[in-house]
């Protein structure tokens, strides 16, 4: 059975960890927009060169460039039978573009999994990670601001997918294996 899944959740909710575990369990590639950007920049592709100009200037990579990179990645052989997207879509315009991509290939999304987590717990996780990784720019104020921005930008997406009956809200707190089991159960 093929699965086409979007994984969303606030910073610190464990998306990266869960994406890797789910990809393995479902035998589909985990596709992160961050990884796509890095691969295109490293490979000096036309899109990578264009994206690098924006990234070097500290600006967001425009939707048009991001959409093309995602479309290219979803066209690769390993993603034809399914995928797990992490970090895309981030805007309503990207939702519409992903809809067009899937429609063009005759596919549709299976589910959108939102990892939910208590804000104070996520802040504690990110502060601990910042200390472990030496990320001095991740103060509590900065982390809380990032969480506010995430909530503001993501709410419209969760509303869209909830209305379509695709949204699965899963508690992102607990043991890693426990959370993976909750996600897999929500997909049945």
C-alpha atoms as a PDB file:
ATOM      1  CA  UNK A   1       0.000   0.000   0.000  1.00  0.00           C
ATOM      2  CA  UNK A   2       1.401   3.388  -0.947  1.00  0.00           C
ATOM      3  CA  UNK A   3       1.339   6.249   1.530  1.00  0.00           C
ATOM      4  CA  UNK A   4       1.651   9.941   0.804  1.00  0.00           C
ATOM      5  CA  UNK A   5       1.928  11.663   4.145  1.00  0.00           C
ATOM      6  CA  UNK A   6       2.710  15.143   5.418  1.00  0.00           C
ATOM      7  CA  UNK A   7       4.248  15.424   8.900  1.00  0.00           C
ATOM      8  CA  UNK A   8       3.820  18.758  10.664  1.00  0.00           C
ATOM      9  CA  UNK A   9       4.412  19.984  14.175  1.00  0.00           C
ATOM     10  CA  UNK A  10       6.116  22.714  16.134  1.00  0.00           C
ATOM     11  CA  UNK A  11       9.894  22.972  16.413  1.00  0.00           C
ATOM     12  CA  UNK A  12      11.034  20.458  19.025  1.00  0.00           C
ATOM     13  CA  UNK A  13       8.057  18.112  18.603  1.00  0.00           C
ATOM     14  CA  UNK A  14      10.290  15.343  17.230  1.00  0.00           C
ATOM     15  CA  UNK A  15       9.389  15.504  13.528  1.00  0.00           C
ATOM     16  CA  UNK A  16      12.874  14.590  12.318  1.00  0.00           C
ATOM     17  CA  UNK A  17      13.094  11.570  14.608  1.00  0.00           C
ATOM     18  CA  UNK A  18       9.606  10.395  13.713  1.00  0.00           C
ATOM     19  CA  UNK A  19      10.050  11.021   9.982  1.00  0.00           C
ATOM     20  CA  UNK A  20      13.018   8.623   9.875  1.00  0.00           C
ATOM     21  CA  UNK A  21      11.180   5.948  11.884  1.00  0.00           C
ATOM     22  CA  UNK A  22       7.976   6.250   9.846  1.00  0.00           C
ATOM     23  CA  UNK A  23       9.822   6.175   6.532  1.00  0.00           C
ATOM     24  CA  UNK A  24      11.448   2.923   7.558  1.00  0.00           C
ATOM     25  CA  UNK A  25       8.226   1.399   8.897  1.00  0.00           C
ATOM     26  CA  UNK A  26       6.240   2.385   5.792  1.00  0.00           C
ATOM     27  CA  UNK A  27       9.078   1.791   3.302  1.00  0.00           C
ATOM     28  CA  UNK A  28       8.817   5.281   1.812  1.00  0.00           C
ATOM     29  CA  UNK A  29      11.368   8.094   1.668  1.00  0.00           C
ATOM     30  CA  UNK A  30      11.287  10.863   4.257  1.00  0.00           C
ATOM     31  CA  UNK A  31      11.597  14.082   2.296  1.00  0.00           C
ATOM     32  CA  UNK A  32      12.661  17.209   4.153  1.00  0.00           C
ATOM     33  CA  UNK A  33      12.701  20.564   2.390  1.00  0.00           C
ATOM     34  CA  UNK A  34      15.905  21.377   4.267  1.00  0.00           C
ATOM     35  CA  UNK A  35      17.530  18.271   2.782  1.00  0.00           C
ATOM     36  CA  UNK A  36      16.213  19.164  -0.689  1.00  0.00           C
ATOM     37  CA  UNK A  37      17.674  22.674  -0.428  1.00  0.00           C
ATOM     38  CA  UNK A  38      21.042  21.380   0.770  1.00  0.00           C
ATOM     39  CA  UNK A  39      21.212  18.702  -1.962  1.00  0.00           C
ATOM     40  CA  UNK A  40      20.387  21.205  -4.719  1.00  0.00           C
ATOM     41  CA  UNK A  41      22.868  23.770  -3.403  1.00  0.00           C
ATOM     42  CA  UNK A  42      25.596  21.137  -2.988  1.00  0.00           C
ATOM     43  CA  UNK A  43      24.866  19.685  -6.424  1.00  0.00           C
ATOM     44  CA  UNK A  44      24.974  23.194  -7.878  1.00  0.00           C
ATOM     45  CA  UNK A  45      21.735  22.592  -9.753  1.00  0.00           C
ATOM     46  CA  UNK A  46      20.049  25.535 -11.455  1.00  0.00           C
ATOM     47  CA  UNK A  47      17.433  25.637  -8.673  1.00  0.00           C
ATOM     48  CA  UNK A  48      20.128  25.226  -6.022  1.00  0.00           C
ATOM     49  CA  UNK A  49      22.078  28.187  -7.376  1.00  0.00           C
ATOM     50  CA  UNK A  50      18.912  30.285  -7.378  1.00  0.00           C
ATOM     51  CA  UNK A  51      17.946  29.204  -3.849  1.00  0.00           C
ATOM     52  CA  UNK A  52      21.475  29.871  -2.565  1.00  0.00           C
ATOM     53  CA  UNK A  53      21.212  33.507  -3.616  1.00  0.00           C
ATOM     54  CA  UNK A  54      18.169  33.957  -1.383  1.00  0.00           C
ATOM     55  CA  UNK A  55      19.614  31.889   1.465  1.00  0.00           C
ATOM     56  CA  UNK A  56      22.918  33.800   1.407  1.00  0.00           C
ATOM     57  CA  UNK A  57      20.973  37.057   1.638  1.00  0.00           C
ATOM     58  CA  UNK A  58      19.082  35.715   4.664  1.00  0.00           C
ATOM     59  CA  UNK A  59      15.790  35.721   2.758  1.00  0.00           C
ATOM     60  CA  UNK A  60      13.117  33.063   2.374  1.00  0.00           C
ATOM     61  CA  UNK A  61      13.414  30.987  -0.765  1.00  0.00           C
ATOM     62  CA  UNK A  62      10.351  31.958  -2.842  1.00  0.00           C
ATOM     63  CA  UNK A  63       7.507  29.455  -3.201  1.00  0.00           C
ATOM     64  CA  UNK A  64       8.160  29.156  -6.931  1.00  0.00           C
ATOM     65  CA  UNK A  65      11.678  27.808  -6.328  1.00  0.00           C
ATOM     66  CA  UNK A  66      10.667  25.633  -3.371  1.00  0.00           C
ATOM     67  CA  UNK A  67       7.740  24.178  -5.318  1.00  0.00           C
ATOM     68  CA  UNK A  68       9.974  23.269  -8.267  1.00  0.00           C
ATOM     69  CA  UNK A  69      12.487  21.568  -5.958  1.00  0.00           C
ATOM     70  CA  UNK A  70       9.735  19.566  -4.236  1.00  0.00           C
ATOM     71  CA  UNK A  71       8.139  18.614  -7.573  1.00  0.00           C
ATOM     72  CA  UNK A  72      11.525  17.416  -8.844  1.00  0.00           C
ATOM     73  CA  UNK A  73      12.089  15.370  -5.679  1.00  0.00           C
ATOM     74  CA  UNK A  74       8.629  13.793  -5.804  1.00  0.00           C
ATOM     75  CA  UNK A  75       9.313  12.758  -9.427  1.00  0.00           C
ATOM     76  CA  UNK A  76      12.303  10.649  -8.404  1.00  0.00           C
ATOM     77  CA  UNK A  77      11.864   6.881  -8.555  1.00  0.00           C
ATOM     78  CA  UNK A  78      11.977   6.248  -4.803  1.00  0.00           C
ATOM     79  CA  UNK A  79       9.033   8.621  -4.197  1.00  0.00           C
ATOM     80  CA  UNK A  80       6.730   7.365  -6.926  1.00  0.00           C
ATOM     81  CA  UNK A  81       5.031   4.832  -4.656  1.00  0.00           C
ATOM     82  CA  UNK A  82       4.799   7.133  -1.661  1.00  0.00           C
ATOM     83  CA  UNK A  83       6.595   9.623   0.538  1.00  0.00           C
ATOM     84  CA  UNK A  84       6.595  11.430   3.843  1.00  0.00           C
ATOM     85  CA  UNK A  85       6.986  15.214   3.552  1.00  0.00           C
ATOM     86  CA  UNK A  86       8.557  17.144   6.435  1.00  0.00           C
ATOM     87  CA  UNK A  87       8.657  20.928   6.112  1.00  0.00           C
ATOM     88  CA  UNK A  88       6.366  21.231   3.099  1.00  0.00           C
ATOM     89  CA  UNK A  89       3.839  22.655   2.563  1.00  0.00           C
ATOM     90  CA  UNK A  90       4.230  25.675   4.859  1.00  0.00           C
ATOM     91  CA  UNK A  91       1.697  28.015   3.262  1.00  0.00           C
ATOM     92  CA  UNK A  92      -1.793  27.771   1.758  1.00  0.00           C
ATOM     93  CA  UNK A  93      -0.251  28.565  -1.652  1.00  0.00           C
ATOM     94  CA  UNK A  94       2.102  25.581  -1.231  1.00  0.00           C
ATOM     95  CA  UNK A  95      -0.889  23.383  -0.284  1.00  0.00           C
ATOM     96  CA  UNK A  96      -2.518  24.352  -3.592  1.00  0.00           C
ATOM     97  CA  UNK A  97       0.704  23.646  -5.494  1.00  0.00           C
ATOM     98  CA  UNK A  98       1.130  20.239  -3.829  1.00  0.00           C
ATOM     99  CA  UNK A  99      -2.492  19.468  -4.776  1.00  0.00           C
ATOM    100  CA  UNK A 100      -1.609  20.265  -8.414  1.00  0.00           C
ATOM    101  CA  UNK A 101       1.524  18.100  -8.278  1.00  0.00           C
ATOM    102  CA  UNK A 102      -0.393  15.132  -6.892  1.00  0.00           C
ATOM    103  CA  UNK A 103      -3.307  15.597  -9.263  1.00  0.00           C
ATOM    104  CA  UNK A 104      -0.884  15.687 -12.184  1.00  0.00           C
ATOM    105  CA  UNK A 105       0.519  12.313 -11.131  1.00  0.00           C
ATOM    106  CA  UNK A 106      -2.906  10.811 -10.427  1.00  0.00           C
ATOM    107  CA  UNK A 107      -2.257  10.550  -6.684  1.00  0.00           C
ATOM    108  CA  UNK A 108      -3.639  12.082  -3.515  1.00  0.00           C
ATOM    109  CA  UNK A 109      -2.523  12.506   0.060  1.00  0.00           C
ATOM    110  CA  UNK A 110      -3.139   9.642   2.460  1.00  0.00           C
ATOM    111  CA  UNK A 111      -2.931  11.687   5.665  1.00  0.00           C
ATOM    112  CA  UNK A 112      -1.502  14.744   7.375  1.00  0.00           C
ATOM    113  CA  UNK A 113      -0.047  13.945  10.792  1.00  0.00           C
ATOM    114  CA  UNK A 114       0.284  16.833  13.225  1.00  0.00           C
ATOM    115  CA  UNK A 115       2.540  16.126  16.179  1.00  0.00           C
ATOM    116  CA  UNK A 116       1.151  18.120  19.071  1.00  0.00           C
ATOM    117  CA  UNK A 117       3.151  19.019  22.154  1.00  0.00           C
ATOM    118  CA  UNK A 118       2.822  21.159  25.253  1.00  0.00           C
ATOM    119  CA  UNK A 119       4.559  24.491  24.647  1.00  0.00           C
ATOM    120  CA  UNK A 120       6.502  24.475  27.924  1.00  0.00           C
ATOM    121  CA  UNK A 121       7.733  20.931  27.237  1.00  0.00           C
ATOM    122  CA  UNK A 122       8.848  21.892  23.724  1.00  0.00           C
ATOM    123  CA  UNK A 123      10.641  24.981  25.059  1.00  0.00           C
ATOM    124  CA  UNK A 124      12.457  22.795  27.601  1.00  0.00           C
ATOM    125  CA  UNK A 125      13.447  20.315  24.863  1.00  0.00           C
ATOM    126  CA  UNK A 126      14.761  23.052  22.588  1.00  0.00           C
ATOM    127  CA  UNK A 127      16.673  24.765  25.381  1.00  0.00           C
ATOM    128  CA  UNK A 128      18.317  21.440  26.256  1.00  0.00           C
ATOM    129  CA  UNK A 129      19.117  20.806  22.572  1.00  0.00           C
ATOM    130  CA  UNK A 130      20.529  24.341  22.216  1.00  0.00           C
ATOM    131  CA  UNK A 131      22.817  23.746  25.180  1.00  0.00           C
ATOM    132  CA  UNK A 132      23.919  20.313  23.908  1.00  0.00           C
ATOM    133  CA  UNK A 133      24.552  21.608  20.391  1.00  0.00           C
ATOM    134  CA  UNK A 134      26.038  24.923  21.535  1.00  0.00           C
ATOM    135  CA  UNK A 135      23.317  26.971  19.834  1.00  0.00           C
ATOM    136  CA  UNK A 136      23.662  30.238  21.717  1.00  0.00           C
ATOM    137  CA  UNK A 137      21.050  31.944  19.509  1.00  0.00           C
ATOM    138  CA  UNK A 138      18.270  29.701  20.868  1.00  0.00           C
ATOM    139  CA  UNK A 139      17.198  31.603  23.976  1.00  0.00           C
ATOM    140  CA  UNK A 140      13.815  30.980  25.555  1.00  0.00           C
ATOM    141  CA  UNK A 141      12.439  34.205  24.022  1.00  0.00           C
ATOM    142  CA  UNK A 142      13.639  33.238  20.541  1.00  0.00           C
ATOM    143  CA  UNK A 143      12.213  29.727  20.899  1.00  0.00           C
ATOM    144  CA  UNK A 144       8.826  31.032  22.095  1.00  0.00           C
ATOM    145  CA  UNK A 145       8.754  33.459  19.170  1.00  0.00           C
ATOM    146  CA  UNK A 146       9.466  30.613  16.723  1.00  0.00           C
ATOM    147  CA  UNK A 147       6.632  28.625  18.302  1.00  0.00           C
ATOM    148  CA  UNK A 148       4.253  31.591  17.938  1.00  0.00           C
ATOM    149  CA  UNK A 149       5.218  32.018  14.284  1.00  0.00           C
ATOM    150  CA  UNK A 150       4.741  28.288  13.702  1.00  0.00           C
ATOM    151  CA  UNK A 151       1.269  28.362  15.288  1.00  0.00           C
ATOM    152  CA  UNK A 152       0.267  31.410  13.257  1.00  0.00           C
ATOM    153  CA  UNK A 153       1.492  29.977   9.951  1.00  0.00           C
ATOM    154  CA  UNK A 154       0.378  26.403  10.510  1.00  0.00           C
ATOM    155  CA  UNK A 155      -3.157  26.986  11.742  1.00  0.00           C
ATOM    156  CA  UNK A 156      -4.498  27.706   8.243  1.00  0.00           C
ATOM    157  CA  UNK A 157      -2.913  24.469   6.960  1.00  0.00           C
ATOM    158  CA  UNK A 158      -4.322  22.317   9.740  1.00  0.00           C
ATOM    159  CA  UNK A 159      -7.742  23.868   9.084  1.00  0.00           C
ATOM    160  CA  UNK A 160      -7.497  23.009   5.361  1.00  0.00           C
ATOM    161  CA  UNK A 161      -6.508  19.406   6.025  1.00  0.00           C
ATOM    162  CA  UNK A 162      -9.017  18.994   8.869  1.00  0.00           C
ATOM    163  CA  UNK A 163     -11.809  20.097   6.497  1.00  0.00           C
ATOM    164  CA  UNK A 164     -10.618  17.475   3.989  1.00  0.00           C
ATOM    165  CA  UNK A 165     -10.685  14.764   6.658  1.00  0.00           C
ATOM    166  CA  UNK A 166      -6.935  14.132   6.345  1.00  0.00           C
ATOM    167  CA  UNK A 167      -5.641  15.583   9.639  1.00  0.00           C
ATOM    168  CA  UNK A 168      -4.484  13.154  12.345  1.00  0.00           C
ATOM    169  CA  UNK A 169      -3.482  14.877  15.597  1.00  0.00           C
ATOM    170  CA  UNK A 170      -1.001  12.773  17.536  1.00  0.00           C
ATOM    171  CA  UNK A 171       0.490  13.529  20.951  1.00  0.00           C
ATOM    172  CA  UNK A 172       4.203  14.099  20.324  1.00  0.00           C
ATOM    173  CA  UNK A 173       5.247  13.664  23.958  1.00  0.00           C
ATOM    174  CA  UNK A 174       6.481  10.391  25.440  1.00  0.00           C
ATOM    175  CA  UNK A 175       8.914   7.679  24.486  1.00  0.00           C
ATOM    176  CA  UNK A 176      10.028   7.740  20.844  1.00  0.00           C
ATOM    177  CA  UNK A 177       8.706   4.221  20.068  1.00  0.00           C
ATOM    178  CA  UNK A 178       5.409   5.032  21.782  1.00  0.00           C
ATOM    179  CA  UNK A 179       4.922   8.100  19.581  1.00  0.00           C
ATOM    180  CA  UNK A 180       5.770   6.111  16.440  1.00  0.00           C
ATOM    181  CA  UNK A 181       3.146   3.529  17.416  1.00  0.00           C
ATOM    182  CA  UNK A 182       0.560   6.288  17.965  1.00  0.00           C
ATOM    183  CA  UNK A 183       1.283   7.736  14.536  1.00  0.00           C
ATOM    184  CA  UNK A 184       1.089   4.361  12.798  1.00  0.00           C
ATOM    185  CA  UNK A 185      -2.186   3.618  14.599  1.00  0.00           C
ATOM    186  CA  UNK A 186      -3.615   6.956  13.425  1.00  0.00           C
ATOM    187  CA  UNK A 187      -2.832   5.986   9.827  1.00  0.00           C
ATOM    188  CA  UNK A 188      -4.848   2.759   9.898  1.00  0.00           C
END
